[in-house]
C-alpha cells in the first residue's frame, strides 16, 4: 500500500519495478570450504555456471509471444488527454502545502488514480494490475519479446482539469505498508507530455517503511 505526500513539482508519477535477477554469481558453500579445489578449477566451474545462466537469460529474452495490441491501447490511452479547445478554460491550479497527501489508497480525495503501464507499450509481454482501493500492485515480469519491466503511472489529474503548484514543497514522501524489499524506479514530471522531460531515482521498498525523494 502506498501513500504519497507533497513534494517538488509533480504532474505525473511512474513507479517501475526493476528486474533484480542478481548479476553477481556466488558458488555453493562447499567450494569455499574444500581446500583441495584449485583456483583454476573453481574459476572453470564458475565460468561454466555463468555460461549456463547467461544461456537461460538469452533464452528468456529470445522467447517470442504475440503482441497484445489491445492491451497496449487500453493501457496507453489512460494517460492521454485531448488537446484543449480554443475556448476551453485553463486547468485549475491548486497550491500544495508541506505534508499534504497527494494520493492515498481508498481515499475519495485523491487527485488521480494509478494505472499500469507495462512493457507491452514497447512490444513486451510483462503485465501488472494495481488496485487503487487497497494500494496493492501485483504483476509478472518476463523478458519475452525483449521486455522485462512493469510499471504504474498516475492518470491525468482530475481528467486534465487540475494542476498542482508545489513550489513550497521540497520532496515527495512515499509510505509502504507491505514493501517487499525490491528495488523500484521513481519518475516525476512537471508537464503533461506523455514522454516529456522527467527526473528519476530508485529506492528499495521496505515493509512499514517510508522513503523521501530527494
N, C-alpha and C. Protein backbone atom coordinates (compact mmCIF):
# COMPACT_ATOMS: atom_id res chain seq x y z
N UNK A 1 0.85 -1.19 0.00
CA UNK A 1 0.00 0.00 0.00
C UNK A 1 0.88 1.23 0.00
N UNK A 2 0.51 2.23 -0.79
CA UNK A 2 1.33 3.41 -0.93
C UNK A 2 0.57 4.65 -0.50
N UNK A 3 1.28 5.60 0.10
CA UNK A 3 0.74 6.91 0.38
C UNK A 3 1.75 7.93 -0.08
N UNK A 4 1.33 8.91 -0.86
CA UNK A 4 2.21 9.94 -1.36
C UNK A 4 1.91 11.25 -0.64
N UNK A 5 2.96 11.88 -0.11
CA UNK A 5 2.81 13.19 0.48
C UNK A 5 3.50 14.22 -0.41
N UNK A 6 3.09 15.48 -0.26
CA UNK A 6 3.50 16.51 -1.21
C UNK A 6 5.00 16.73 -1.24
N UNK A 7 5.45 17.22 -2.40
CA UNK A 7 6.86 17.35 -2.66
C UNK A 7 7.12 18.41 -3.69
N UNK A 8 8.20 18.21 -4.44
CA UNK A 8 8.52 19.10 -5.53
C UNK A 8 7.48 18.99 -6.63
N UNK A 9 7.60 19.81 -7.66
CA UNK A 9 6.60 19.92 -8.73
C UNK A 9 6.25 18.56 -9.30
N UNK A 10 4.96 18.22 -9.30
CA UNK A 10 4.52 16.88 -9.68
C UNK A 10 3.34 16.96 -10.62
N UNK A 11 3.47 16.30 -11.77
CA UNK A 11 2.32 16.17 -12.66
C UNK A 11 2.06 14.72 -12.99
N UNK A 12 3.10 13.93 -13.15
CA UNK A 12 2.91 12.50 -13.43
C UNK A 12 3.91 11.70 -12.63
N UNK A 13 3.46 10.58 -12.09
CA UNK A 13 4.31 9.69 -11.32
C UNK A 13 4.41 8.36 -12.04
N UNK A 14 5.59 7.76 -11.97
CA UNK A 14 5.77 6.44 -12.55
C UNK A 14 6.60 5.62 -11.59
N UNK A 15 6.08 4.46 -11.18
CA UNK A 15 6.84 3.51 -10.40
C UNK A 15 7.09 2.31 -11.29
N UNK A 16 8.35 1.95 -11.41
CA UNK A 16 8.69 0.88 -12.32
C UNK A 16 9.52 -0.15 -11.58
N UNK A 17 9.05 -1.38 -11.51
CA UNK A 17 9.76 -2.46 -10.85
C UNK A 17 10.94 -2.88 -11.69
N UNK A 18 12.15 -2.82 -11.12
CA UNK A 18 13.32 -3.24 -11.85
C UNK A 18 13.53 -4.73 -11.70
N UNK A 19 13.90 -5.39 -12.75
CA UNK A 19 14.19 -6.81 -12.72
C UNK A 19 15.45 -7.02 -11.89
N UNK A 20 15.38 -7.84 -10.82
CA UNK A 20 16.50 -7.98 -9.90
C UNK A 20 17.05 -9.39 -9.89
N UNK A 21 17.33 -9.97 -11.05
CA UNK A 21 17.98 -11.27 -11.13
C UNK A 21 19.46 -11.03 -10.95
N UNK A 22 20.02 -11.24 -9.75
CA UNK A 22 21.35 -10.80 -9.36
C UNK A 22 22.43 -10.98 -10.41
N UNK A 23 23.24 -9.97 -10.56
CA UNK A 23 24.29 -10.02 -11.57
C UNK A 23 25.53 -10.73 -11.05
N UNK A 24 25.63 -10.89 -9.72
CA UNK A 24 26.83 -11.49 -9.13
C UNK A 24 26.58 -12.96 -8.83
N UNK A 25 27.42 -13.83 -9.36
CA UNK A 25 27.28 -15.26 -9.11
C UNK A 25 28.11 -15.64 -7.90
N UNK A 26 27.53 -16.37 -6.96
CA UNK A 26 28.26 -16.89 -5.80
C UNK A 26 28.18 -18.40 -5.84
N UNK A 27 29.31 -19.10 -5.89
CA UNK A 27 29.28 -20.57 -5.93
C UNK A 27 28.76 -21.15 -4.64
N UNK A 28 28.28 -22.40 -4.64
CA UNK A 28 27.77 -23.05 -3.44
C UNK A 28 28.81 -23.05 -2.33
N UNK A 29 28.30 -23.18 -1.08
CA UNK A 29 29.16 -23.07 0.09
C UNK A 29 30.34 -24.04 0.07
N UNK A 30 30.15 -25.28 -0.46
CA UNK A 30 31.22 -26.27 -0.40
C UNK A 30 32.47 -25.81 -1.14
N UNK A 31 32.33 -24.96 -2.10
CA UNK A 31 33.51 -24.52 -2.85
C UNK A 31 34.32 -23.48 -2.08
N UNK A 32 33.74 -22.98 -0.98
CA UNK A 32 34.51 -22.08 -0.13
C UNK A 32 35.29 -22.87 0.93
N UNK A 33 34.82 -24.08 1.28
CA UNK A 33 35.39 -24.82 2.39
C UNK A 33 36.33 -25.95 1.95
N UNK A 34 36.23 -26.42 0.73
CA UNK A 34 37.10 -27.51 0.28
C UNK A 34 38.43 -26.94 -0.18
N UNK A 35 39.52 -27.31 0.56
CA UNK A 35 40.84 -26.75 0.27
C UNK A 35 41.49 -27.41 -0.94
N UNK A 36 40.95 -28.54 -1.38
CA UNK A 36 41.60 -29.26 -2.47
C UNK A 36 41.23 -28.68 -3.84
N UNK A 37 40.24 -27.81 -3.88
CA UNK A 37 39.83 -27.22 -5.14
C UNK A 37 40.77 -26.08 -5.49
N UNK A 38 41.42 -26.20 -6.60
CA UNK A 38 42.37 -25.18 -7.02
C UNK A 38 41.64 -23.95 -7.54
N UNK A 39 42.38 -22.83 -7.62
CA UNK A 39 41.79 -21.62 -8.16
C UNK A 39 41.36 -21.82 -9.61
N UNK A 40 42.15 -22.58 -10.35
CA UNK A 40 41.82 -22.81 -11.76
C UNK A 40 40.54 -23.61 -11.89
N UNK A 41 40.41 -24.67 -11.06
CA UNK A 41 39.20 -25.49 -11.10
C UNK A 41 37.98 -24.68 -10.72
N UNK A 42 38.11 -23.90 -9.64
CA UNK A 42 36.99 -23.07 -9.20
C UNK A 42 36.62 -22.06 -10.25
N UNK A 43 37.62 -21.47 -10.88
CA UNK A 43 37.37 -20.48 -11.93
C UNK A 43 36.63 -21.11 -13.10
N UNK A 44 37.05 -22.33 -13.50
CA UNK A 44 36.38 -23.02 -14.60
C UNK A 44 34.94 -23.36 -14.24
N UNK A 45 34.73 -23.76 -12.96
CA UNK A 45 33.39 -24.11 -12.51
C UNK A 45 32.48 -22.88 -12.57
N UNK A 46 32.97 -21.75 -12.06
CA UNK A 46 32.18 -20.52 -12.09
C UNK A 46 31.90 -20.11 -13.52
N UNK A 47 32.90 -20.26 -14.38
CA UNK A 47 32.72 -19.89 -15.78
C UNK A 47 31.62 -20.71 -16.42
N UNK A 48 31.60 -22.05 -16.14
CA UNK A 48 30.57 -22.90 -16.73
C UNK A 48 29.18 -22.52 -16.22
N UNK A 49 29.11 -22.24 -14.92
CA UNK A 49 27.81 -21.86 -14.34
C UNK A 49 27.33 -20.52 -14.91
N UNK A 50 28.25 -19.60 -15.07
CA UNK A 50 27.88 -18.30 -15.64
C UNK A 50 27.38 -18.45 -17.07
N UNK A 51 28.02 -19.36 -17.83
CA UNK A 51 27.60 -19.59 -19.20
C UNK A 51 26.18 -20.17 -19.24
N UNK A 52 25.90 -21.12 -18.31
CA UNK A 52 24.57 -21.72 -18.27
C UNK A 52 23.54 -20.66 -17.91
N UNK A 53 23.89 -19.80 -16.92
CA UNK A 53 22.97 -18.74 -16.50
C UNK A 53 22.73 -17.75 -17.64
N UNK A 54 23.80 -17.39 -18.34
CA UNK A 54 23.68 -16.47 -19.47
C UNK A 54 22.80 -17.08 -20.56
N UNK A 55 22.96 -18.40 -20.79
CA UNK A 55 22.15 -19.07 -21.80
C UNK A 55 20.68 -19.01 -21.43
N UNK A 56 20.38 -19.18 -20.10
CA UNK A 56 18.99 -19.12 -19.64
C UNK A 56 18.41 -17.75 -19.88
N UNK A 57 19.17 -16.70 -19.56
CA UNK A 57 18.70 -15.33 -19.75
C UNK A 57 18.47 -15.06 -21.23
N UNK A 58 19.40 -15.49 -22.08
CA UNK A 58 19.25 -15.28 -23.50
C UNK A 58 18.04 -16.01 -24.05
N UNK A 59 17.81 -17.22 -23.52
CA UNK A 59 16.65 -17.99 -23.97
C UNK A 59 15.36 -17.27 -23.62
N UNK A 60 15.32 -16.68 -22.40
CA UNK A 60 14.12 -15.95 -21.99
C UNK A 60 13.92 -14.72 -22.86
N UNK A 61 15.02 -14.02 -23.15
CA UNK A 61 14.93 -12.82 -23.97
C UNK A 61 14.52 -13.16 -25.40
N UNK A 62 14.94 -14.34 -25.88
CA UNK A 62 14.62 -14.75 -27.25
C UNK A 62 13.21 -15.31 -27.38
N UNK A 63 12.53 -15.58 -26.24
CA UNK A 63 11.19 -16.12 -26.29
C UNK A 63 10.25 -15.10 -26.95
N UNK A 64 9.42 -15.58 -27.86
CA UNK A 64 8.51 -14.71 -28.57
C UNK A 64 7.06 -15.04 -28.19
N UNK A 65 6.31 -13.99 -27.87
CA UNK A 65 4.89 -14.13 -27.60
C UNK A 65 4.13 -13.13 -28.45
N UNK A 66 2.88 -13.43 -28.80
CA UNK A 66 2.10 -12.48 -29.61
C UNK A 66 1.95 -11.15 -28.87
N UNK A 67 2.09 -10.07 -29.62
CA UNK A 67 1.95 -8.75 -29.01
C UNK A 67 0.48 -8.46 -28.76
N UNK A 68 0.16 -8.09 -27.52
CA UNK A 68 -1.22 -7.80 -27.14
C UNK A 68 -1.54 -6.35 -27.45
N UNK A 69 -1.86 -6.08 -28.71
CA UNK A 69 -2.07 -4.71 -29.15
C UNK A 69 -3.26 -4.05 -28.45
N UNK A 70 -4.29 -4.82 -28.13
CA UNK A 70 -5.44 -4.25 -27.44
C UNK A 70 -5.08 -3.82 -26.02
N UNK A 71 -4.21 -4.60 -25.35
CA UNK A 71 -3.76 -4.21 -24.01
C UNK A 71 -2.89 -2.97 -24.09
N UNK A 72 -2.09 -2.87 -25.15
CA UNK A 72 -1.28 -1.68 -25.37
C UNK A 72 -2.16 -0.44 -25.50
N UNK A 73 -3.22 -0.53 -26.30
CA UNK A 73 -4.12 0.60 -26.49
C UNK A 73 -4.84 0.94 -25.19
N UNK A 74 -5.29 -0.10 -24.49
CA UNK A 74 -6.02 0.10 -23.25
C UNK A 74 -5.15 0.80 -22.20
N UNK A 75 -3.89 0.38 -22.08
CA UNK A 75 -3.01 0.98 -21.07
C UNK A 75 -2.62 2.41 -21.44
N UNK A 76 -2.12 2.61 -22.64
CA UNK A 76 -1.59 3.92 -23.01
C UNK A 76 -2.68 4.98 -23.09
N UNK A 77 -3.91 4.60 -23.43
CA UNK A 77 -4.99 5.58 -23.58
C UNK A 77 -5.36 6.24 -22.26
N UNK A 78 -5.05 5.61 -21.13
CA UNK A 78 -5.42 6.16 -19.83
C UNK A 78 -4.59 7.39 -19.46
N UNK A 79 -3.49 7.62 -20.18
CA UNK A 79 -2.59 8.71 -19.80
C UNK A 79 -2.58 9.84 -20.83
N UNK A 80 -3.50 9.78 -21.76
CA UNK A 80 -3.55 10.77 -22.83
C UNK A 80 -4.81 11.62 -22.68
N UNK A 81 -4.64 12.94 -22.76
CA UNK A 81 -5.78 13.84 -22.75
C UNK A 81 -5.87 14.56 -24.10
N UNK A 82 -7.07 14.83 -24.52
CA UNK A 82 -7.27 15.52 -25.79
C UNK A 82 -6.79 16.97 -25.67
N UNK A 83 -6.28 17.55 -26.75
CA UNK A 83 -5.87 18.96 -26.71
C UNK A 83 -7.05 19.84 -26.34
N UNK A 84 -6.83 20.86 -25.51
CA UNK A 84 -7.95 21.73 -25.10
C UNK A 84 -8.50 22.52 -26.29
N UNK A 85 -9.79 22.75 -26.26
CA UNK A 85 -10.42 23.58 -27.29
C UNK A 85 -10.02 25.04 -27.09
N UNK A 86 -10.03 25.82 -28.14
CA UNK A 86 -9.58 27.22 -28.03
C UNK A 86 -10.32 28.02 -26.96
N UNK A 87 -11.60 27.70 -26.74
CA UNK A 87 -12.40 28.46 -25.78
C UNK A 87 -12.49 27.77 -24.42
N UNK A 88 -11.79 26.66 -24.26
CA UNK A 88 -11.86 25.91 -23.01
C UNK A 88 -11.09 26.62 -21.90
N UNK A 89 -11.55 26.45 -20.68
CA UNK A 89 -10.88 27.07 -19.54
C UNK A 89 -9.56 26.37 -19.25
N UNK A 90 -8.60 27.12 -18.73
CA UNK A 90 -7.30 26.55 -18.37
C UNK A 90 -7.46 25.67 -17.14
N UNK A 91 -6.58 24.67 -16.97
CA UNK A 91 -6.66 23.82 -15.78
C UNK A 91 -6.56 24.65 -14.50
N UNK A 92 -7.32 24.24 -13.52
CA UNK A 92 -7.27 24.90 -12.22
C UNK A 92 -5.96 24.54 -11.53
N UNK A 93 -5.29 25.54 -10.97
CA UNK A 93 -4.03 25.30 -10.28
C UNK A 93 -4.28 25.31 -8.77
N UNK A 94 -3.88 24.23 -8.12
CA UNK A 94 -4.06 24.11 -6.67
C UNK A 94 -2.71 24.18 -5.98
N UNK A 95 -2.58 25.06 -5.02
CA UNK A 95 -1.32 25.21 -4.30
C UNK A 95 -1.25 24.18 -3.19
N UNK A 96 -0.18 23.41 -3.17
CA UNK A 96 0.01 22.36 -2.17
C UNK A 96 0.95 22.83 -1.07
N UNK A 97 0.62 22.45 0.15
CA UNK A 97 1.47 22.76 1.29
C UNK A 97 2.23 21.54 1.76
N UNK A 98 3.31 21.76 2.48
CA UNK A 98 4.11 20.65 3.00
C UNK A 98 3.25 19.75 3.89
N UNK A 99 3.37 18.45 3.69
CA UNK A 99 2.65 17.48 4.50
C UNK A 99 1.29 17.09 3.97
N UNK A 100 0.80 17.77 2.95
CA UNK A 100 -0.49 17.39 2.36
C UNK A 100 -0.37 16.09 1.59
N UNK A 101 -1.41 15.27 1.65
CA UNK A 101 -1.41 13.98 0.97
C UNK A 101 -1.88 14.16 -0.47
N UNK A 102 -1.08 13.66 -1.41
CA UNK A 102 -1.43 13.73 -2.82
C UNK A 102 -2.28 12.54 -3.23
N UNK A 103 -1.91 11.36 -2.73
CA UNK A 103 -2.65 10.15 -3.08
C UNK A 103 -2.58 9.18 -1.91
N UNK A 104 -3.74 8.56 -1.60
CA UNK A 104 -3.81 7.55 -0.54
C UNK A 104 -4.78 6.47 -0.95
N UNK A 105 -4.40 5.23 -0.72
CA UNK A 105 -5.24 4.10 -1.14
C UNK A 105 -6.64 4.22 -0.55
N UNK A 106 -7.64 4.09 -1.42
CA UNK A 106 -9.03 4.09 -0.98
C UNK A 106 -9.61 5.45 -0.67
N UNK A 107 -8.83 6.51 -0.81
CA UNK A 107 -9.32 7.84 -0.47
C UNK A 107 -10.17 8.41 -1.60
N UNK A 108 -11.23 9.12 -1.23
CA UNK A 108 -12.09 9.78 -2.22
C UNK A 108 -11.57 11.18 -2.55
N UNK A 109 -10.48 11.60 -1.90
CA UNK A 109 -9.92 12.94 -2.12
C UNK A 109 -8.70 12.94 -3.02
N UNK A 110 -8.38 11.80 -3.62
CA UNK A 110 -7.20 11.72 -4.48
C UNK A 110 -7.38 12.57 -5.73
N UNK A 111 -6.27 13.14 -6.20
CA UNK A 111 -6.30 13.94 -7.43
C UNK A 111 -6.23 13.07 -8.68
N UNK A 112 -5.83 11.82 -8.51
CA UNK A 112 -5.65 10.93 -9.66
C UNK A 112 -5.74 9.49 -9.18
N UNK A 113 -5.76 8.56 -10.11
CA UNK A 113 -5.63 7.14 -9.84
C UNK A 113 -4.33 6.64 -10.46
N UNK A 114 -3.89 5.48 -10.02
CA UNK A 114 -2.77 4.81 -10.67
C UNK A 114 -3.31 3.78 -11.64
N UNK A 115 -2.60 3.59 -12.75
CA UNK A 115 -2.96 2.57 -13.74
C UNK A 115 -1.66 1.95 -14.26
N UNK A 116 -1.70 0.67 -14.66
CA UNK A 116 -0.47 0.02 -15.13
C UNK A 116 0.00 0.56 -16.46
N UNK A 117 1.31 0.61 -16.62
CA UNK A 117 1.94 0.95 -17.90
C UNK A 117 3.16 0.04 -18.02
N UNK A 118 2.95 -1.12 -18.64
CA UNK A 118 3.96 -2.18 -18.66
C UNK A 118 4.75 -2.18 -19.97
N UNK A 119 5.66 -3.16 -20.09
CA UNK A 119 6.49 -3.20 -21.30
C UNK A 119 5.72 -3.56 -22.56
N UNK A 120 4.41 -3.79 -22.43
CA UNK A 120 3.59 -4.01 -23.63
C UNK A 120 3.62 -2.79 -24.54
N UNK A 121 3.92 -1.61 -23.99
CA UNK A 121 3.97 -0.39 -24.80
C UNK A 121 5.14 -0.42 -25.79
N UNK A 122 6.10 -1.32 -25.57
CA UNK A 122 7.21 -1.46 -26.50
C UNK A 122 7.34 -2.89 -27.00
N UNK A 123 6.21 -3.62 -26.97
CA UNK A 123 6.17 -4.97 -27.54
C UNK A 123 6.40 -6.09 -26.56
N UNK A 124 6.61 -5.80 -25.27
CA UNK A 124 6.88 -6.84 -24.28
C UNK A 124 5.64 -7.60 -23.86
N UNK A 125 5.84 -8.58 -22.97
CA UNK A 125 4.75 -9.45 -22.54
C UNK A 125 4.52 -9.43 -21.03
N UNK A 126 5.24 -8.56 -20.29
CA UNK A 126 5.01 -8.44 -18.84
C UNK A 126 3.66 -7.79 -18.59
N UNK A 127 3.07 -8.06 -17.42
CA UNK A 127 1.75 -7.49 -17.13
C UNK A 127 1.61 -7.24 -15.64
N UNK A 128 0.79 -6.25 -15.29
CA UNK A 128 0.55 -5.95 -13.88
C UNK A 128 -0.82 -5.31 -13.70
N UNK A 129 -1.27 -5.26 -12.46
CA UNK A 129 -2.53 -4.62 -12.09
C UNK A 129 -2.34 -3.88 -10.78
N UNK A 130 -3.02 -2.76 -10.64
CA UNK A 130 -2.96 -2.00 -9.39
C UNK A 130 -4.39 -1.75 -8.91
N UNK A 131 -4.61 -1.98 -7.63
CA UNK A 131 -5.92 -1.76 -7.01
C UNK A 131 -5.85 -0.44 -6.24
N UNK A 132 -6.53 0.58 -6.73
CA UNK A 132 -6.49 1.89 -6.09
C UNK A 132 -7.22 1.93 -4.76
N UNK A 133 -8.05 0.94 -4.49
CA UNK A 133 -8.75 0.88 -3.20
C UNK A 133 -7.86 0.35 -2.09
N UNK A 134 -6.95 -0.55 -2.44
CA UNK A 134 -6.06 -1.13 -1.43
C UNK A 134 -4.62 -0.65 -1.57
N UNK A 135 -4.27 -0.12 -2.74
CA UNK A 135 -2.89 0.30 -2.97
C UNK A 135 -1.97 -0.85 -3.29
N UNK A 136 -2.51 -2.03 -3.56
CA UNK A 136 -1.69 -3.21 -3.84
C UNK A 136 -1.44 -3.33 -5.33
N UNK A 137 -0.19 -3.50 -5.69
CA UNK A 137 0.23 -3.62 -7.09
C UNK A 137 0.85 -5.00 -7.28
N UNK A 138 0.33 -5.77 -8.21
CA UNK A 138 0.82 -7.11 -8.47
C UNK A 138 1.08 -7.27 -9.96
N UNK A 139 1.95 -8.21 -10.30
CA UNK A 139 2.20 -8.44 -11.71
C UNK A 139 3.24 -9.52 -11.93
N UNK A 140 3.53 -9.76 -13.19
CA UNK A 140 4.51 -10.76 -13.60
C UNK A 140 5.45 -10.16 -14.63
N UNK A 141 6.75 -10.29 -14.38
CA UNK A 141 7.76 -9.76 -15.29
C UNK A 141 8.35 -10.90 -16.11
N UNK A 142 8.42 -10.71 -17.41
CA UNK A 142 9.06 -11.68 -18.30
C UNK A 142 9.93 -10.93 -19.30
N UNK A 143 11.02 -11.58 -19.71
CA UNK A 143 11.90 -10.98 -20.70
C UNK A 143 11.53 -11.38 -22.13
N UNK A 144 10.39 -12.05 -22.27
CA UNK A 144 9.93 -12.42 -23.61
C UNK A 144 9.74 -11.17 -24.47
N UNK A 145 10.01 -11.29 -25.74
CA UNK A 145 9.91 -10.17 -26.69
C UNK A 145 10.88 -9.04 -26.33
N UNK A 146 11.97 -9.40 -25.61
CA UNK A 146 12.99 -8.43 -25.21
C UNK A 146 12.43 -7.37 -24.26
N UNK A 147 11.42 -7.75 -23.49
CA UNK A 147 10.88 -6.84 -22.47
C UNK A 147 11.54 -7.10 -21.13
N UNK A 148 10.84 -6.76 -20.05
CA UNK A 148 11.39 -7.04 -18.74
C UNK A 148 11.04 -6.04 -17.66
N UNK A 149 9.88 -5.36 -17.75
CA UNK A 149 9.51 -4.45 -16.66
C UNK A 149 8.00 -4.28 -16.61
N UNK A 150 7.52 -3.89 -15.43
CA UNK A 150 6.13 -3.46 -15.25
C UNK A 150 6.16 -2.12 -14.55
N UNK A 151 5.11 -1.36 -14.69
CA UNK A 151 5.08 -0.05 -14.07
C UNK A 151 3.67 0.41 -13.79
N UNK A 152 3.55 1.40 -12.92
CA UNK A 152 2.28 2.10 -12.71
C UNK A 152 2.54 3.58 -12.86
N UNK A 153 1.55 4.28 -13.37
CA UNK A 153 1.69 5.70 -13.63
C UNK A 153 0.41 6.42 -13.23
N UNK A 154 0.54 7.67 -12.81
CA UNK A 154 -0.65 8.43 -12.44
C UNK A 154 -1.42 8.85 -13.68
N UNK A 155 -2.73 8.81 -13.58
CA UNK A 155 -3.58 9.30 -14.65
C UNK A 155 -3.61 10.83 -14.60
N UNK A 156 -4.05 11.50 -15.67
CA UNK A 156 -4.13 12.97 -15.63
C UNK A 156 -4.93 13.46 -14.42
N UNK A 157 -4.42 14.49 -13.77
CA UNK A 157 -5.06 14.99 -12.55
C UNK A 157 -6.47 15.48 -12.84
N UNK A 158 -7.45 14.80 -12.23
CA UNK A 158 -8.87 15.10 -12.41
C UNK A 158 -9.20 15.26 -13.89
N UNK A 159 -8.73 14.31 -14.67
CA UNK A 159 -9.02 14.29 -16.09
C UNK A 159 -8.32 15.37 -16.89
N UNK A 160 -7.29 15.97 -16.32
CA UNK A 160 -6.57 17.03 -17.02
C UNK A 160 -7.05 18.42 -16.67
N UNK A 161 -8.02 18.53 -15.77
CA UNK A 161 -8.57 19.84 -15.41
C UNK A 161 -7.87 20.46 -14.21
N UNK A 162 -6.84 19.79 -13.66
CA UNK A 162 -6.18 20.27 -12.47
C UNK A 162 -4.67 20.17 -12.61
N UNK A 163 -3.97 21.16 -12.10
CA UNK A 163 -2.51 21.09 -11.97
C UNK A 163 -2.15 21.48 -10.54
N UNK A 164 -1.02 20.99 -10.07
CA UNK A 164 -0.61 21.25 -8.70
C UNK A 164 0.59 22.19 -8.66
N UNK A 165 0.49 23.23 -7.85
CA UNK A 165 1.60 24.14 -7.61
C UNK A 165 2.29 23.69 -6.33
N UNK A 166 3.48 23.11 -6.49
CA UNK A 166 4.19 22.54 -5.34
C UNK A 166 5.51 23.25 -5.09
N UNK A 167 5.54 24.54 -5.39
CA UNK A 167 6.77 25.30 -5.24
C UNK A 167 7.19 25.46 -3.78
N UNK A 168 6.28 25.27 -2.86
CA UNK A 168 6.62 25.41 -1.44
C UNK A 168 7.07 24.09 -0.83
N UNK A 169 7.12 23.05 -1.61
CA UNK A 169 7.49 21.72 -1.12
C UNK A 169 8.92 21.37 -1.53
N UNK A 170 9.53 20.48 -0.77
CA UNK A 170 10.93 20.11 -1.01
C UNK A 170 11.10 18.69 -1.53
N UNK A 171 10.10 17.87 -1.47
CA UNK A 171 10.25 16.49 -1.91
C UNK A 171 8.96 15.72 -1.80
N UNK A 172 9.04 14.43 -2.10
CA UNK A 172 7.89 13.53 -2.01
C UNK A 172 8.22 12.42 -1.02
N UNK A 173 7.27 12.11 -0.16
CA UNK A 173 7.42 11.01 0.78
C UNK A 173 6.47 9.89 0.39
N UNK A 174 7.00 8.68 0.25
CA UNK A 174 6.19 7.51 -0.08
C UNK A 174 6.20 6.57 1.12
N UNK A 175 5.04 6.18 1.56
CA UNK A 175 4.93 5.26 2.70
C UNK A 175 4.43 3.91 2.22
N UNK A 176 5.07 2.84 2.74
CA UNK A 176 4.74 1.48 2.34
C UNK A 176 4.18 0.71 3.52
N UNK A 177 3.13 -0.04 3.27
CA UNK A 177 2.58 -0.92 4.30
C UNK A 177 3.06 -2.35 4.09
N UNK A 178 3.30 -2.73 2.84
CA UNK A 178 3.70 -4.11 2.53
C UNK A 178 4.88 -4.12 1.57
N UNK A 179 5.90 -3.32 1.83
CA UNK A 179 7.08 -3.33 0.98
C UNK A 179 7.75 -4.69 1.00
N UNK A 180 8.29 -5.13 -0.13
CA UNK A 180 8.88 -6.47 -0.21
C UNK A 180 10.39 -6.44 -0.40
N UNK A 181 11.01 -5.28 -0.22
CA UNK A 181 12.46 -5.19 -0.32
C UNK A 181 12.99 -5.04 -1.73
N UNK A 182 12.13 -5.09 -2.73
CA UNK A 182 12.59 -4.97 -4.11
C UNK A 182 12.91 -3.52 -4.45
N UNK A 183 13.70 -3.37 -5.49
CA UNK A 183 14.08 -2.03 -5.92
C UNK A 183 13.09 -1.50 -6.95
N UNK A 184 12.72 -0.24 -6.77
CA UNK A 184 11.78 0.43 -7.65
C UNK A 184 12.44 1.66 -8.27
N UNK A 185 11.95 2.01 -9.44
CA UNK A 185 12.37 3.23 -10.10
C UNK A 185 11.25 4.24 -9.98
N UNK A 186 11.59 5.46 -9.63
CA UNK A 186 10.60 6.51 -9.42
C UNK A 186 10.86 7.65 -10.40
N UNK A 187 9.80 8.08 -11.08
CA UNK A 187 9.93 9.13 -12.10
C UNK A 187 8.91 10.22 -11.81
N UNK A 188 9.33 11.46 -11.90
CA UNK A 188 8.43 12.59 -11.71
C UNK A 188 8.58 13.53 -12.90
N UNK A 189 7.46 14.10 -13.33
CA UNK A 189 7.44 15.03 -14.46
C UNK A 189 6.77 16.33 -14.03
N UNK A 190 7.09 17.41 -14.74
CA UNK A 190 6.42 18.68 -14.46
C UNK A 190 5.67 19.17 -15.70
N UNK A 191 5.26 18.24 -16.54
CA UNK A 191 4.42 18.58 -17.70
C UNK A 191 3.48 17.41 -17.96
N UNK A 192 2.48 17.65 -18.79
CA UNK A 192 1.52 16.60 -19.11
C UNK A 192 1.91 15.83 -20.36
N UNK A 193 3.08 16.11 -20.92
CA UNK A 193 3.54 15.38 -22.11
C UNK A 193 3.70 13.90 -21.77
N UNK A 194 3.24 13.03 -22.68
CA UNK A 194 3.30 11.59 -22.41
C UNK A 194 4.74 11.12 -22.22
N UNK A 195 5.65 11.64 -23.02
CA UNK A 195 7.06 11.27 -22.91
C UNK A 195 7.93 12.52 -22.77
N UNK A 196 7.52 13.44 -21.93
CA UNK A 196 8.27 14.67 -21.73
C UNK A 196 9.49 14.46 -20.85
N UNK A 197 10.17 15.56 -20.54
CA UNK A 197 11.34 15.51 -19.67
C UNK A 197 10.95 15.02 -18.29
N UNK A 198 11.77 14.17 -17.71
CA UNK A 198 11.45 13.62 -16.39
C UNK A 198 12.71 13.55 -15.52
N UNK A 199 12.48 13.44 -14.21
CA UNK A 199 13.55 13.26 -13.24
C UNK A 199 13.33 11.90 -12.58
N UNK A 200 14.40 11.17 -12.37
CA UNK A 200 14.25 9.79 -11.92
C UNK A 200 15.26 9.42 -10.84
N UNK A 201 14.87 8.48 -9.99
CA UNK A 201 15.76 7.91 -8.99
C UNK A 201 15.26 6.50 -8.68
N UNK A 202 15.92 5.80 -7.80
CA UNK A 202 15.48 4.44 -7.42
C UNK A 202 15.57 4.28 -5.91
N UNK A 203 14.81 3.33 -5.38
CA UNK A 203 14.79 3.08 -3.94
C UNK A 203 14.37 1.65 -3.67
N UNK A 204 14.65 1.17 -2.46
CA UNK A 204 14.25 -0.16 -2.03
C UNK A 204 13.05 -0.03 -1.10
N UNK A 205 11.97 -0.75 -1.40
CA UNK A 205 10.75 -0.68 -0.61
C UNK A 205 10.82 -1.64 0.57
N UNK A 206 10.59 -1.14 1.77
CA UNK A 206 10.62 -1.96 2.97
C UNK A 206 9.25 -1.94 3.64
N UNK A 207 8.89 -3.05 4.28
CA UNK A 207 7.59 -3.16 4.94
C UNK A 207 7.47 -2.11 6.04
N UNK A 208 6.30 -1.48 6.10
CA UNK A 208 6.02 -0.46 7.10
C UNK A 208 7.10 0.61 7.16
N UNK A 209 7.61 0.94 5.99
CA UNK A 209 8.66 1.95 5.91
C UNK A 209 8.25 3.11 5.04
N UNK A 210 9.14 4.04 4.88
CA UNK A 210 8.89 5.19 4.01
C UNK A 210 10.19 5.64 3.38
N UNK A 211 10.08 6.36 2.29
CA UNK A 211 11.26 6.89 1.61
C UNK A 211 10.94 8.31 1.18
N UNK A 212 11.93 9.18 1.32
CA UNK A 212 11.77 10.57 0.90
C UNK A 212 12.59 10.84 -0.34
N UNK A 213 11.98 11.51 -1.31
CA UNK A 213 12.64 11.83 -2.56
C UNK A 213 12.58 13.34 -2.76
N UNK A 214 13.67 14.05 -2.91
CA UNK A 214 15.05 13.51 -2.89
C UNK A 214 15.50 13.29 -1.46
